[in-house]
Amino acid sequence: MEGWTSASQLMSAADMADMKQLAERAAKMPLQGEATVYDALNVHTQPAAHSPSFMQLQAKEQFAVLAHVVTPRIDLPHTPLVTPAPKKAVASKKDTKAAGRIPLPPMPKAPPLPPNWMELSHQNGAEESGGEEEEPEASAAPVGQDDWSLIRTTSGQTGWVLTRKLTMAIPDEVAQYAEGHRIVSYFSLAELEDGDAKKKIWLWTTVGEGHPPYDFDSFRVFIWNVRRHRYETAYIERKIQGYSPVLVQQISYGGAGKPGAAPAGYPGFSICMRKKDGNLVRRDYALLTNIVRFAGEQSCTLPPPVFSVAALTKPAGPLPASPPAATPAPSGESPSFLERMKTKLKALLHKR
């Protein structure tokens, strides 16, 4: 079958290789929670709206969230798979007529400049401006930004979707405490029994409005209150600069047990954040039944970015050809008699 499609949706062999490399890396990345969508959503090969879309998520479909990146809202450079044929230069009628004409005689020598030509130039400039100051040029409009999430479907396919279209799949009885902040990631730390029901202990990270240079500015642990049958805050930290990924793992903590005993292992998590002195540290937190305790810190190194924002920079293409401007008369020289006659003739034709 034959037909037409948008050239921007075609992928070269290099594009396919990049997708395969991204899928291999995503398979080793720690899960940062699951999300769902209310309507069908396109999955893109790169975090850009005009990049090729190779798959579509269906409403209420759940998938894993791995990372996110903020990119400028610009078009991606795209190498065409089929090189367009070069356009042939067509000779215009004016060029054909001019080729058979007799060349004009050389320009006569211009009269010399007047002695006070500098003063005359300043006077003419003052009259044209009228004494008014020039308005400053308007600054260019800032380029918008979009937040994109790297996701992995249940079938193992990996791609990029707009973060604002996602809804993290944490239970509503916990999500109601977001207070307008966006949930970046969430994790289950442990379970508690309340009669026949089992309630999980949740950890989440959130961020406020805008696109800060870090991933989240707060994290919070929710425990289930067996007596009141509701979720309550067990631990919270605000106004931080946290970076993904958040790791859920066993944490050694020596604050409990007999003196001198070896630290015991507890369920917990670790978060990479930036301290006030600018250093990155990964802090460990242990969950002691329903209490969260700080268990130490060590230096932290951020993983390489999943996508390079510099790759989105659109290369500057060739400028459009502008029509040749008329050759100005040399400084201080008056136009020739022939040029003055041409100017008057054009003015008369324009009035008619």
C-alpha atoms as a PDB file:
ATOM      1  CA  MET A   1       0.000   0.000   0.000  1.00  0.00           C
ATOM      2  CA  GLU A   2       1.166   3.517  -0.775  1.00  0.00           C
ATOM      3  CA  GLY A   3       0.276   6.842   0.771  1.00  0.00           C
ATOM      4  CA  TRP A   4       1.488  10.055   2.350  1.00  0.00           C
ATOM      5  CA  THR A   5       2.587  10.833   5.893  1.00  0.00           C
ATOM      6  CA  SER A   6       4.264  13.704   7.687  1.00  0.00           C
ATOM      7  CA  ALA A   7       8.038  13.671   7.222  1.00  0.00           C
ATOM      8  CA  SER A   8       8.471  14.716  10.878  1.00  0.00           C
ATOM      9  CA  GLN A   9       7.037  11.328  11.958  1.00  0.00           C
ATOM     10  CA  LEU A  10       9.575   9.275   9.996  1.00  0.00           C
ATOM     11  CA  MET A  11      12.482   7.747  11.916  1.00  0.00           C
ATOM     12  CA  SER A  12      15.895   6.932  10.551  1.00  0.00           C
ATOM     13  CA  ALA A  13      18.123   4.028  11.554  1.00  0.00           C
ATOM     14  CA  ALA A  14      19.963   6.365  13.957  1.00  0.00           C
ATOM     15  CA  ASP A  15      16.656   7.314  15.617  1.00  0.00           C
ATOM     16  CA  MET A  16      15.778   3.646  16.089  1.00  0.00           C
ATOM     17  CA  ALA A  17      19.200   2.977  17.616  1.00  0.00           C
ATOM     18  CA  ASP A  18      18.683   5.840  20.083  1.00  0.00           C
ATOM     19  CA  MET A  19      15.304   4.407  21.110  1.00  0.00           C
ATOM     20  CA  LYS A  20      16.832   0.989  21.695  1.00  0.00           C
ATOM     21  CA  GLN A  21      19.625   2.485  23.794  1.00  0.00           C
ATOM     22  CA  LEU A  22      17.089   4.457  25.870  1.00  0.00           C
ATOM     23  CA  ALA A  23      15.003   1.306  26.478  1.00  0.00           C
ATOM     24  CA  GLU A  24      18.084  -0.616  27.644  1.00  0.00           C
ATOM     25  CA  ARG A  25      18.983   2.120  30.110  1.00  0.00           C
ATOM     26  CA  ALA A  26      15.392   2.509  31.316  1.00  0.00           C
ATOM     27  CA  ALA A  27      15.215  -1.200  32.100  1.00  0.00           C
ATOM     28  CA  LYS A  28      17.880  -0.669  34.809  1.00  0.00           C
ATOM     29  CA  MET A  29      16.420   2.519  36.312  1.00  0.00           C
ATOM     30  CA  PRO A  30      14.637   2.323  39.686  1.00  0.00           C
ATOM     31  CA  LEU A  31      10.868   2.744  39.626  1.00  0.00           C
ATOM     32  CA  GLN A  32       9.613   6.110  40.947  1.00  0.00           C
ATOM     33  CA  GLY A  33       5.935   5.159  41.113  1.00  0.00           C
ATOM     34  CA  GLU A  34       3.095   4.333  38.754  1.00  0.00           C
ATOM     35  CA  ALA A  35       0.769   6.704  36.943  1.00  0.00           C
ATOM     36  CA  THR A  36      -2.346   6.663  34.814  1.00  0.00           C
ATOM     37  CA  VAL A  37      -4.097   8.926  32.282  1.00  0.00           C
ATOM     38  CA  TYR A  38      -7.743   9.939  31.895  1.00  0.00           C
ATOM     39  CA  ASP A  39      -7.632  10.181  28.082  1.00  0.00           C
ATOM     40  CA  ALA A  40      -5.553   8.703  25.287  1.00  0.00           C
ATOM     41  CA  LEU A  41      -2.013  10.142  25.318  1.00  0.00           C
ATOM     42  CA  ASN A  42       0.737   9.960  22.696  1.00  0.00           C
ATOM     43  CA  VAL A  43       4.157   8.599  23.670  1.00  0.00           C
ATOM     44  CA  HIS A  44       7.064  10.394  21.956  1.00  0.00           C
ATOM     45  CA  THR A  45      10.588   9.303  21.116  1.00  0.00           C
ATOM     46  CA  GLN A  46      12.036  12.494  22.633  1.00  0.00           C
ATOM     47  CA  PRO A  47      10.794  15.083  25.162  1.00  0.00           C
ATOM     48  CA  ALA A  48       9.449  17.439  22.500  1.00  0.00           C
ATOM     49  CA  ALA A  49       5.923  17.917  21.186  1.00  0.00           C
ATOM     50  CA  HIS A  50       6.904  17.631  17.503  1.00  0.00           C
ATOM     51  CA  SER A  51       9.068  14.515  17.895  1.00  0.00           C
ATOM     52  CA  PRO A  52       7.732  11.259  16.370  1.00  0.00           C
ATOM     53  CA  SER A  53       5.009   9.462  18.323  1.00  0.00           C
ATOM     54  CA  PHE A  54       5.219   5.681  18.092  1.00  0.00           C
ATOM     55  CA  MET A  55       2.594   4.576  20.637  1.00  0.00           C
ATOM     56  CA  GLN A  56      -0.556   5.771  22.403  1.00  0.00           C
ATOM     57  CA  LEU A  57      -1.554   5.170  26.016  1.00  0.00           C
ATOM     58  CA  GLN A  58      -5.189   4.336  26.592  1.00  0.00           C
ATOM     59  CA  ALA A  59      -7.435   5.850  29.254  1.00  0.00           C
ATOM     60  CA  LYS A  60      -6.956   4.334  32.758  1.00  0.00           C
ATOM     61  CA  GLU A  61      -3.859   2.420  31.617  1.00  0.00           C
ATOM     62  CA  GLN A  62      -1.169   2.205  34.295  1.00  0.00           C
ATOM     63  CA  PHE A  63       2.561   2.426  33.601  1.00  0.00           C
ATOM     64  CA  ALA A  64       5.829   2.995  35.456  1.00  0.00           C
ATOM     65  CA  VAL A  65       7.353   6.470  35.884  1.00  0.00           C
ATOM     66  CA  LEU A  66      11.162   6.486  35.787  1.00  0.00           C
ATOM     67  CA  ALA A  67      12.417  10.090  35.500  1.00  0.00           C
ATOM     68  CA  HIS A  68      11.499  13.544  34.282  1.00  0.00           C
ATOM     69  CA  VAL A  69      13.233  16.383  32.460  1.00  0.00           C
ATOM     70  CA  VAL A  70      12.381  20.023  31.685  1.00  0.00           C
ATOM     71  CA  THR A  71      13.011  21.095  28.088  1.00  0.00           C
ATOM     72  CA  PRO A  72      12.436  24.333  26.160  1.00  0.00           C
ATOM     73  CA  ARG A  73       9.377  24.407  23.923  1.00  0.00           C
ATOM     74  CA  ILE A  74      11.199  24.504  20.581  1.00  0.00           C
ATOM     75  CA  ASP A  75      11.260  22.384  17.432  1.00  0.00           C
ATOM     76  CA  LEU A  76      13.785  19.604  17.144  1.00  0.00           C
ATOM     77  CA  PRO A  77      16.212  19.555  14.210  1.00  0.00           C
ATOM     78  CA  HIS A  78      15.146  16.737  11.938  1.00  0.00           C
ATOM     79  CA  THR A  79      17.256  15.283   9.147  1.00  0.00           C
ATOM     80  CA  PRO A  80      14.996  14.374   6.209  1.00  0.00           C
ATOM     81  CA  LEU A  81      15.191  10.755   5.057  1.00  0.00           C
ATOM     82  CA  VAL A  82      14.567  11.785   1.444  1.00  0.00           C
ATOM     83  CA  THR A  83      16.728  14.678   0.274  1.00  0.00           C
ATOM     84  CA  PRO A  84      14.629  17.141  -1.749  1.00  0.00           C
ATOM     85  CA  ALA A  85      15.742  17.795  -5.313  1.00  0.00           C
ATOM     86  CA  PRO A  86      17.629  21.072  -5.739  1.00  0.00           C
ATOM     87  CA  LYS A  87      15.624  23.825  -7.386  1.00  0.00           C
ATOM     88  CA  LYS A  88      16.797  24.950 -10.801  1.00  0.00           C
ATOM     89  CA  ALA A  89      17.557  28.623 -11.183  1.00  0.00           C
ATOM     90  CA  VAL A  90      15.087  30.179 -13.628  1.00  0.00           C
ATOM     91  CA  ALA A  91      16.294  33.243 -15.515  1.00  0.00           C
ATOM     92  CA  SER A  92      13.843  36.118 -15.162  1.00  0.00           C
ATOM     93  CA  LYS A  93      12.608  38.232 -18.084  1.00  0.00           C
ATOM     94  CA  LYS A  94      14.411  41.267 -16.695  1.00  0.00           C
ATOM     95  CA  ASP A  95      17.737  39.438 -16.781  1.00  0.00           C
ATOM     96  CA  THR A  96      17.091  38.334 -20.382  1.00  0.00           C
ATOM     97  CA  LYS A  97      16.298  41.875 -21.518  1.00  0.00           C
ATOM     98  CA  ALA A  98      19.227  43.363 -19.623  1.00  0.00           C
ATOM     99  CA  ALA A  99      21.616  40.963 -21.314  1.00  0.00           C
ATOM    100  CA  GLY A 100      20.901  42.520 -24.768  1.00  0.00           C
ATOM    101  CA  ARG A 101      21.141  46.144 -23.688  1.00  0.00           C
ATOM    102  CA  ILE A 102      24.058  48.455 -24.312  1.00  0.00           C
ATOM    103  CA  PRO A 103      25.914  49.106 -21.038  1.00  0.00           C
ATOM    104  CA  LEU A 104      25.503  52.563 -19.500  1.00  0.00           C
ATOM    105  CA  PRO A 105      28.369  55.049 -19.645  1.00  0.00           C
ATOM    106  CA  PRO A 106      30.582  55.341 -16.580  1.00  0.00           C
ATOM    107  CA  MET A 107      29.459  57.568 -13.704  1.00  0.00           C
ATOM    108  CA  PRO A 108      30.822  61.122 -13.751  1.00  0.00           C
ATOM    109  CA  LYS A 109      33.100  62.223 -10.966  1.00  0.00           C
ATOM    110  CA  ALA A 110      31.198  63.595  -7.964  1.00  0.00           C
ATOM    111  CA  PRO A 111      31.816  67.148  -6.725  1.00  0.00           C
ATOM    112  CA  PRO A 112      33.986  67.507  -3.599  1.00  0.00           C
ATOM    113  CA  LEU A 113      32.489  67.679  -0.093  1.00  0.00           C
ATOM    114  CA  PRO A 114      31.689  71.124   1.354  1.00  0.00           C
ATOM    115  CA  PRO A 115      34.102  72.324   4.057  1.00  0.00           C
ATOM    116  CA  ASN A 116      31.417  72.221   6.788  1.00  0.00           C
ATOM    117  CA  TRP A 117      29.972  68.801   5.899  1.00  0.00           C
ATOM    118  CA  MET A 118      30.343  67.559   9.511  1.00  0.00           C
ATOM    119  CA  GLU A 119      28.197  70.402  10.879  1.00  0.00           C
ATOM    120  CA  LEU A 120      25.572  69.859   8.194  1.00  0.00           C
ATOM    121  CA  SER A 121      25.356  66.180   9.059  1.00  0.00           C
ATOM    122  CA  HIS A 122      24.701  66.924  12.759  1.00  0.00           C
ATOM    123  CA  GLN A 123      22.032  69.491  11.886  1.00  0.00           C
ATOM    124  CA  ASN A 124      20.204  67.123   9.534  1.00  0.00           C
ATOM    125  CA  GLY A 125      20.279  64.365  12.139  1.00  0.00           C
ATOM    126  CA  ALA A 126      18.803  66.657  14.810  1.00  0.00           C
ATOM    127  CA  GLU A 127      15.993  67.774  12.477  1.00  0.00           C
ATOM    128  CA  GLU A 128      15.035  64.215  11.533  1.00  0.00           C
ATOM    129  CA  SER A 129      14.951  62.997  15.133  1.00  0.00           C
ATOM    130  CA  GLY A 130      12.973  66.028  16.312  1.00  0.00           C
ATOM    131  CA  GLY A 131      14.721  65.927  19.680  1.00  0.00           C
ATOM    132  CA  GLU A 132      12.890  62.729  20.695  1.00  0.00           C
ATOM    133  CA  GLU A 133      14.697  59.847  22.308  1.00  0.00           C
ATOM    134  CA  GLU A 134      14.609  56.500  20.567  1.00  0.00           C
ATOM    135  CA  GLU A 135      12.503  53.856  22.253  1.00  0.00           C
ATOM    136  CA  PRO A 136      14.435  50.802  23.413  1.00  0.00           C
ATOM    137  CA  GLU A 137      13.879  47.665  21.401  1.00  0.00           C
ATOM    138  CA  ALA A 138      11.460  45.194  22.924  1.00  0.00           C
ATOM    139  CA  SER A 139      13.192  42.155  24.383  1.00  0.00           C
ATOM    140  CA  ALA A 140      12.481  38.795  22.804  1.00  0.00           C
ATOM    141  CA  ALA A 141       9.655  36.792  24.364  1.00  0.00           C
ATOM    142  CA  PRO A 142      10.933  34.074  26.728  1.00  0.00           C
ATOM    143  CA  VAL A 143      10.793  30.514  25.432  1.00  0.00           C
ATOM    144  CA  GLY A 144       8.253  28.345  27.243  1.00  0.00           C
ATOM    145  CA  GLN A 145       9.209  25.117  28.992  1.00  0.00           C
ATOM    146  CA  ASP A 146       7.561  21.713  29.330  1.00  0.00           C
ATOM    147  CA  ASP A 147       8.036  18.978  31.908  1.00  0.00           C
ATOM    148  CA  TRP A 148       8.321  15.496  30.369  1.00  0.00           C
ATOM    149  CA  SER A 149       8.289  12.113  32.119  1.00  0.00           C
ATOM    150  CA  LEU A 150      10.105   9.001  30.981  1.00  0.00           C
ATOM    151  CA  ILE A 151       7.705   6.054  31.286  1.00  0.00           C
ATOM    152  CA  ARG A 152       7.799   2.281  30.778  1.00  0.00           C
ATOM    153  CA  THR A 153       4.677   0.323  29.850  1.00  0.00           C
ATOM    154  CA  THR A 154       3.787  -3.167  31.048  1.00  0.00           C
ATOM    155  CA  SER A 155       4.985  -4.505  27.681  1.00  0.00           C
ATOM    156  CA  GLY A 156       8.426  -2.921  28.238  1.00  0.00           C
ATOM    157  CA  GLN A 157       8.164  -0.040  25.743  1.00  0.00           C
ATOM    158  CA  THR A 158       9.816   3.216  26.814  1.00  0.00           C
ATOM    159  CA  GLY A 159       9.060   6.784  25.766  1.00  0.00           C
ATOM    160  CA  TRP A 160       8.286  10.358  26.816  1.00  0.00           C
ATOM    161  CA  VAL A 161       4.937  11.883  27.795  1.00  0.00           C
ATOM    162  CA  LEU A 162       3.909  15.292  29.131  1.00  0.00           C
ATOM    163  CA  THR A 163       4.042  15.231  32.933  1.00  0.00           C
ATOM    164  CA  ARG A 164       0.996  17.472  33.335  1.00  0.00           C
ATOM    165  CA  LYS A 165      -1.130  14.796  31.620  1.00  0.00           C
ATOM    166  CA  LEU A 166      -0.241  12.141  34.221  1.00  0.00           C
ATOM    167  CA  THR A 167      -1.942  11.270  37.515  1.00  0.00           C
ATOM    168  CA  MET A 168       0.157   9.366  40.027  1.00  0.00           C
ATOM    169  CA  ALA A 169      -1.628   6.172  41.089  1.00  0.00           C
ATOM    170  CA  ILE A 170      -1.224   6.668  44.860  1.00  0.00           C
ATOM    171  CA  PRO A 171      -4.510   6.055  46.778  1.00  0.00           C
ATOM    172  CA  ASP A 172      -6.861   9.040  47.029  1.00  0.00           C
ATOM    173  CA  GLU A 173      -6.886   8.863  50.833  1.00  0.00           C
ATOM    174  CA  VAL A 174      -3.208   9.908  50.666  1.00  0.00           C
ATOM    175  CA  ALA A 175      -3.258  12.017  47.486  1.00  0.00           C
ATOM    176  CA  GLN A 176      -5.810  14.369  49.081  1.00  0.00           C
ATOM    177  CA  TYR A 177      -3.000  15.844  51.223  1.00  0.00           C
ATOM    178  CA  ALA A 178      -1.006  17.104  48.218  1.00  0.00           C
ATOM    179  CA  GLU A 179      -2.385  20.643  48.768  1.00  0.00           C
ATOM    180  CA  GLY A 180      -1.950  21.646  45.139  1.00  0.00           C
ATOM    181  CA  HIS A 181       1.630  20.357  44.853  1.00  0.00           C
ATOM    182  CA  ARG A 182       2.592  17.856  42.174  1.00  0.00           C
ATOM    183  CA  ILE A 183       3.488  14.365  43.344  1.00  0.00           C
ATOM    184  CA  VAL A 184       6.854  13.563  41.760  1.00  0.00           C
ATOM    185  CA  SER A 185       7.310  10.023  43.121  1.00  0.00           C
ATOM    186  CA  TYR A 186       5.811   7.684  45.715  1.00  0.00           C
ATOM    187  CA  PHE A 187       6.756   4.375  47.349  1.00  0.00           C
ATOM    188  CA  SER A 188       5.359   1.741  49.692  1.00  0.00           C
ATOM    189  CA  LEU A 189       7.655   1.234  52.720  1.00  0.00           C
ATOM    190  CA  ALA A 190       5.745  -1.370  54.755  1.00  0.00           C
ATOM    191  CA  GLU A 191       2.259  -2.614  55.702  1.00  0.00           C
ATOM    192  CA  LEU A 192       0.100  -2.384  58.822  1.00  0.00           C
ATOM    193  CA  GLU A 193      -2.928  -4.513  59.696  1.00  0.00           C
ATOM    194  CA  ASP A 194      -6.188  -2.898  60.742  1.00  0.00           C
ATOM    195  CA  GLY A 195      -8.522  -5.781  61.372  1.00  0.00           C
ATOM    196  CA  ASP A 196      -9.008  -7.615  58.120  1.00  0.00           C
ATOM    197  CA  ALA A 197      -7.611  -4.710  56.071  1.00  0.00           C
ATOM    198  CA  LYS A 198      -3.970  -4.114  55.257  1.00  0.00           C
ATOM    199  CA  LYS A 199      -2.778  -0.519  54.962  1.00  0.00           C
ATOM    200  CA  LYS A 200       0.542   0.480  53.443  1.00  0.00           C
ATOM    201  CA  ILE A 201       2.972   3.048  54.806  1.00  0.00           C
ATOM    202  CA  TRP A 202       3.625   5.543  52.025  1.00  0.00           C
ATOM    203  CA  LEU A 203       6.495   7.845  51.154  1.00  0.00           C
ATOM    204  CA  TRP A 204       6.088  10.566  48.573  1.00  0.00           C
ATOM    205  CA  THR A 205       8.044  13.508  47.136  1.00  0.00           C
ATOM    206  CA  THR A 206       6.321  16.673  45.881  1.00  0.00           C
ATOM    207  CA  VAL A 207       7.217  19.936  44.167  1.00  0.00           C
ATOM    208  CA  GLY A 208       5.469  23.301  43.930  1.00  0.00           C
ATOM    209  CA  GLU A 209       4.780  25.411  40.860  1.00  0.00           C
ATOM    210  CA  GLY A 210       7.279  26.223  38.144  1.00  0.00           C
ATOM    211  CA  HIS A 211      10.285  24.311  36.854  1.00  0.00           C
ATOM    212  CA  PRO A 212      13.033  24.452  39.518  1.00  0.00           C
ATOM    213  CA  PRO A 213      16.528  23.077  38.757  1.00  0.00           C
ATOM    214  CA  TYR A 214      15.891  20.191  41.189  1.00  0.00           C
ATOM    215  CA  ASP A 215      13.267  17.421  41.162  1.00  0.00           C
ATOM    216  CA  PHE A 216      11.324  17.961  44.417  1.00  0.00           C
ATOM    217  CA  ASP A 217      11.236  20.339  47.370  1.00  0.00           C
ATOM    218  CA  SER A 218       9.507  18.188  50.015  1.00  0.00           C
ATOM    219  CA  PHE A 219       9.078  14.574  51.100  1.00  0.00           C
ATOM    220  CA  ARG A 220       6.617  13.029  53.552  1.00  0.00           C
ATOM    221  CA  VAL A 221       5.898   9.670  55.183  1.00  0.00           C
ATOM    222  CA  PHE A 222       2.274   8.638  55.915  1.00  0.00           C
ATOM    223  CA  ILE A 223       1.345   5.963  58.467  1.00  0.00           C
ATOM    224  CA  TRP A 224      -2.058   4.437  59.146  1.00  0.00           C
ATOM    225  CA  ASN A 225      -3.562   5.327  62.524  1.00  0.00           C
ATOM    226  CA  VAL A 226      -5.235   2.117  63.689  1.00  0.00           C
ATOM    227  CA  ARG A 227      -7.350   3.845  66.356  1.00  0.00           C
ATOM    228  CA  ARG A 228      -8.618   6.680  64.122  1.00  0.00           C
ATOM    229  CA  HIS A 229      -8.605   4.633  60.903  1.00  0.00           C
ATOM    230  CA  ARG A 230      -6.948   7.311  58.788  1.00  0.00           C
ATOM    231  CA  TYR A 231      -3.580   8.301  57.388  1.00  0.00           C
ATOM    232  CA  GLU A 232      -1.413  10.700  59.373  1.00  0.00           C
ATOM    233  CA  THR A 233       2.013  12.270  58.863  1.00  0.00           C
ATOM    234  CA  ALA A 234       4.867  10.393  60.518  1.00  0.00           C
ATOM    235  CA  TYR A 235       7.707  12.504  59.083  1.00  0.00           C
ATOM    236  CA  ILE A 236       8.038  15.500  56.773  1.00  0.00           C
ATOM    237  CA  GLU A 237      10.786  17.763  55.451  1.00  0.00           C
ATOM    238  CA  ARG A 238      10.093  20.914  53.442  1.00  0.00           C
ATOM    239  CA  LYS A 239      12.121  23.547  51.584  1.00  0.00           C
ATOM    240  CA  ILE A 240      14.772  21.134  50.369  1.00  0.00           C
ATOM    241  CA  GLN A 241      16.433  20.594  47.006  1.00  0.00           C
ATOM    242  CA  GLY A 242      15.984  16.906  46.299  1.00  0.00           C
ATOM    243  CA  TYR A 243      17.086  14.907  43.262  1.00  0.00           C
ATOM    244  CA  SER A 244      15.806  11.664  41.783  1.00  0.00           C
ATOM    245  CA  PRO A 245      16.045   8.771  42.045  1.00  0.00           C
ATOM    246  CA  VAL A 246      14.730   8.059  45.543  1.00  0.00           C
ATOM    247  CA  LEU A 247      15.891   4.609  46.698  1.00  0.00           C
ATOM    248  CA  VAL A 248      13.804   2.300  48.913  1.00  0.00           C
ATOM    249  CA  GLN A 249      16.069  -0.225  50.628  1.00  0.00           C
ATOM    250  CA  GLN A 250      17.134  -1.786  53.916  1.00  0.00           C
ATOM    251  CA  ILE A 251      18.792   0.785  56.213  1.00  0.00           C
ATOM    252  CA  SER A 252      21.225   0.000  59.020  1.00  0.00           C
ATOM    253  CA  TYR A 253      20.284   1.826  62.198  1.00  0.00           C
ATOM    254  CA  GLY A 254      22.033   1.507  65.563  1.00  0.00           C
ATOM    255  CA  GLY A 255      19.677   3.675  67.604  1.00  0.00           C
ATOM    256  CA  ALA A 256      17.738   0.688  68.920  1.00  0.00           C
ATOM    257  CA  GLY A 257      18.719  -2.478  70.700  1.00  0.00           C
ATOM    258  CA  LYS A 258      21.343  -3.142  73.365  1.00  0.00           C
ATOM    259  CA  PRO A 259      24.380  -0.858  73.756  1.00  0.00           C
ATOM    260  CA  GLY A 260      27.326  -2.057  71.692  1.00  0.00           C
ATOM    261  CA  ALA A 261      25.181  -4.300  69.489  1.00  0.00           C
ATOM    262  CA  ALA A 262      25.613  -4.260  65.725  1.00  0.00           C
ATOM    263  CA  PRO A 263      23.230  -1.983  63.840  1.00  0.00           C
ATOM    264  CA  ALA A 264      20.045  -3.732  62.791  1.00  0.00           C
ATOM    265  CA  GLY A 265      18.478  -3.544  59.335  1.00  0.00           C
ATOM    266  CA  TYR A 266      15.151  -1.773  58.942  1.00  0.00           C
ATOM    267  CA  PRO A 267      12.979  -0.881  55.967  1.00  0.00           C
ATOM    268  CA  GLY A 268      13.748   2.645  54.878  1.00  0.00           C
ATOM    269  CA  PHE A 269      14.767   4.964  52.092  1.00  0.00           C
ATOM    270  CA  SER A 270      17.536   7.325  51.010  1.00  0.00           C
ATOM    271  CA  ILE A 271      17.260  10.725  49.336  1.00  0.00           C
ATOM    272  CA  CYS A 272      19.912  12.765  47.525  1.00  0.00           C
ATOM    273  CA  MET A 273      19.643  16.451  48.389  1.00  0.00           C
ATOM    274  CA  ARG A 274      21.709  19.621  48.300  1.00  0.00           C
ATOM    275  CA  LYS A 275      22.790  21.120  51.625  1.00  0.00           C
ATOM    276  CA  LYS A 276      23.023  24.824  52.374  1.00  0.00           C
ATOM    277  CA  ASP A 277      26.770  24.767  51.699  1.00  0.00           C
ATOM    278  CA  GLY A 278      26.093  23.482  48.156  1.00  0.00           C
ATOM    279  CA  ASN A 279      27.327  19.898  48.672  1.00  0.00           C
ATOM    280  CA  LEU A 280      25.236  16.918  47.572  1.00  0.00           C
ATOM    281  CA  VAL A 281      24.583  14.252  50.210  1.00  0.00           C
ATOM    282  CA  ARG A 282      22.439  11.115  50.280  1.00  0.00           C
ATOM    283  CA  ARG A 283      20.584  10.855  53.574  1.00  0.00           C
ATOM    284  CA  ASP A 284      19.306   7.536  54.918  1.00  0.00           C
ATOM    285  CA  TYR A 285      16.089   7.201  56.919  1.00  0.00           C
ATOM    286  CA  ALA A 286      14.982   4.075  58.790  1.00  0.00           C
ATOM    287  CA  LEU A 287      11.371   3.120  59.504  1.00  0.00           C
ATOM    288  CA  LEU A 288      11.018   1.745  63.050  1.00  0.00           C
ATOM    289  CA  THR A 289       7.480   0.317  62.911  1.00  0.00           C
ATOM    290  CA  ASN A 290       5.680   3.674  62.693  1.00  0.00           C
ATOM    291  CA  ILE A 291       8.532   6.095  63.479  1.00  0.00           C
ATOM    292  CA  VAL A 292      11.059   7.504  60.980  1.00  0.00           C
ATOM    293  CA  ARG A 293      14.623   8.092  62.178  1.00  0.00           C
ATOM    294  CA  PHE A 294      17.599   9.726  60.439  1.00  0.00           C
ATOM    295  CA  ALA A 295      20.284   7.033  59.961  1.00  0.00           C
ATOM    296  CA  GLY A 296      23.240   8.921  58.486  1.00  0.00           C
ATOM    297  CA  GLU A 297      24.466  10.507  55.282  1.00  0.00           C
ATOM    298  CA  GLN A 298      27.225  10.192  52.703  1.00  0.00           C
ATOM    299  CA  SER A 299      28.277  12.077  49.602  1.00  0.00           C
ATOM    300  CA  CYS A 300      26.000  11.791  46.595  1.00  0.00           C
ATOM    301  CA  THR A 301      26.684  11.885  42.860  1.00  0.00           C
ATOM    302  CA  LEU A 302      23.875  12.576  40.415  1.00  0.00           C
ATOM    303  CA  PRO A 303      23.414  10.060  37.583  1.00  0.00           C
ATOM    304  CA  PRO A 304      24.030  11.259  34.019  1.00  0.00           C
ATOM    305  CA  PRO A 305      20.989  13.005  32.535  1.00  0.00           C
ATOM    306  CA  VAL A 306      18.557  10.807  30.673  1.00  0.00           C
ATOM    307  CA  PHE A 307      18.238  13.424  27.954  1.00  0.00           C
ATOM    308  CA  SER A 308      20.578  16.267  27.065  1.00  0.00           C
ATOM    309  CA  VAL A 309      18.764  19.585  26.816  1.00  0.00           C
ATOM    310  CA  ALA A 310      21.564  20.859  24.564  1.00  0.00           C
ATOM    311  CA  ALA A 311      20.412  18.375  21.915  1.00  0.00           C
ATOM    312  CA  LEU A 312      17.189  20.347  21.580  1.00  0.00           C
ATOM    313  CA  THR A 313      18.998  23.467  20.336  1.00  0.00           C
ATOM    314  CA  LYS A 314      17.833  24.116  16.823  1.00  0.00           C
ATOM    315  CA  PRO A 315      20.797  24.745  14.501  1.00  0.00           C
ATOM    316  CA  ALA A 316      20.817  28.045  12.689  1.00  0.00           C
ATOM    317  CA  GLY A 317      19.992  27.388   9.041  1.00  0.00           C
ATOM    318  CA  PRO A 318      20.904  29.539   6.063  1.00  0.00           C
ATOM    319  CA  LEU A 319      19.232  32.909   6.063  1.00  0.00           C
ATOM    320  CA  PRO A 320      16.712  33.596   3.283  1.00  0.00           C
ATOM    321  CA  ALA A 321      18.212  35.350   0.310  1.00  0.00           C
ATOM    322  CA  SER A 322      17.405  39.048   0.329  1.00  0.00           C
ATOM    323  CA  PRO A 323      17.046  41.097  -2.852  1.00  0.00           C
ATOM    324  CA  PRO A 324      20.192  43.010  -3.782  1.00  0.00           C
ATOM    325  CA  ALA A 325      20.093  46.523  -2.410  1.00  0.00           C
ATOM    326  CA  ALA A 326      20.797  49.505  -4.591  1.00  0.00           C
ATOM    327  CA  THR A 327      24.411  50.554  -4.503  1.00  0.00           C
ATOM    328  CA  PRO A 328      24.582  53.758  -2.437  1.00  0.00           C
ATOM    329  CA  ALA A 329      26.451  56.741  -3.711  1.00  0.00           C
ATOM    330  CA  PRO A 330      29.885  57.243  -2.185  1.00  0.00           C
ATOM    331  CA  SER A 331      29.984  59.348   0.966  1.00  0.00           C
ATOM    332  CA  GLY A 332      29.584  63.003   0.079  1.00  0.00           C
ATOM    333  CA  GLU A 333      28.781  62.337  -3.618  1.00  0.00           C
ATOM    334  CA  SER A 334      25.485  63.442  -5.186  1.00  0.00           C
ATOM    335  CA  PRO A 335      23.492  61.033  -7.425  1.00  0.00           C
ATOM    336  CA  SER A 336      23.997  61.287 -11.171  1.00  0.00           C
ATOM    337  CA  PHE A 337      21.580  62.931 -13.602  1.00  0.00           C
ATOM    338  CA  LEU A 338      20.372  59.553 -14.835  1.00  0.00           C
ATOM    339  CA  GLU A 339      19.596  58.316 -11.307  1.00  0.00           C
ATOM    340  CA  ARG A 340      17.698  61.505 -10.488  1.00  0.00           C
ATOM    341  CA  MET A 341      15.564  61.098 -13.604  1.00  0.00           C
ATOM    342  CA  LYS A 342      14.786  57.468 -12.685  1.00  0.00           C
ATOM    343  CA  THR A 343      13.698  58.524  -9.206  1.00  0.00           C
ATOM    344  CA  LYS A 344      11.363  61.225 -10.556  1.00  0.00           C
ATOM    345  CA  LEU A 345       9.860  58.824 -13.109  1.00  0.00           C
ATOM    346  CA  LYS A 346       9.123  56.210 -10.423  1.00  0.00           C
ATOM    347  CA  ALA A 347       7.455  58.890  -8.254  1.00  0.00           C
ATOM    348  CA  LEU A 348       5.200  59.956 -11.122  1.00  0.00           C
ATOM    349  CA  LEU A 349       4.187  56.372 -11.929  1.00  0.00           C
ATOM    350  CA  HIS A 350       3.464  55.713  -8.257  1.00  0.00           C
ATOM    351  CA  LYS A 351       1.113  58.744  -8.057  1.00  0.00           C
ATOM    352  CA  ARG A 352      -0.842  57.557 -11.094  1.00  0.00           C
END
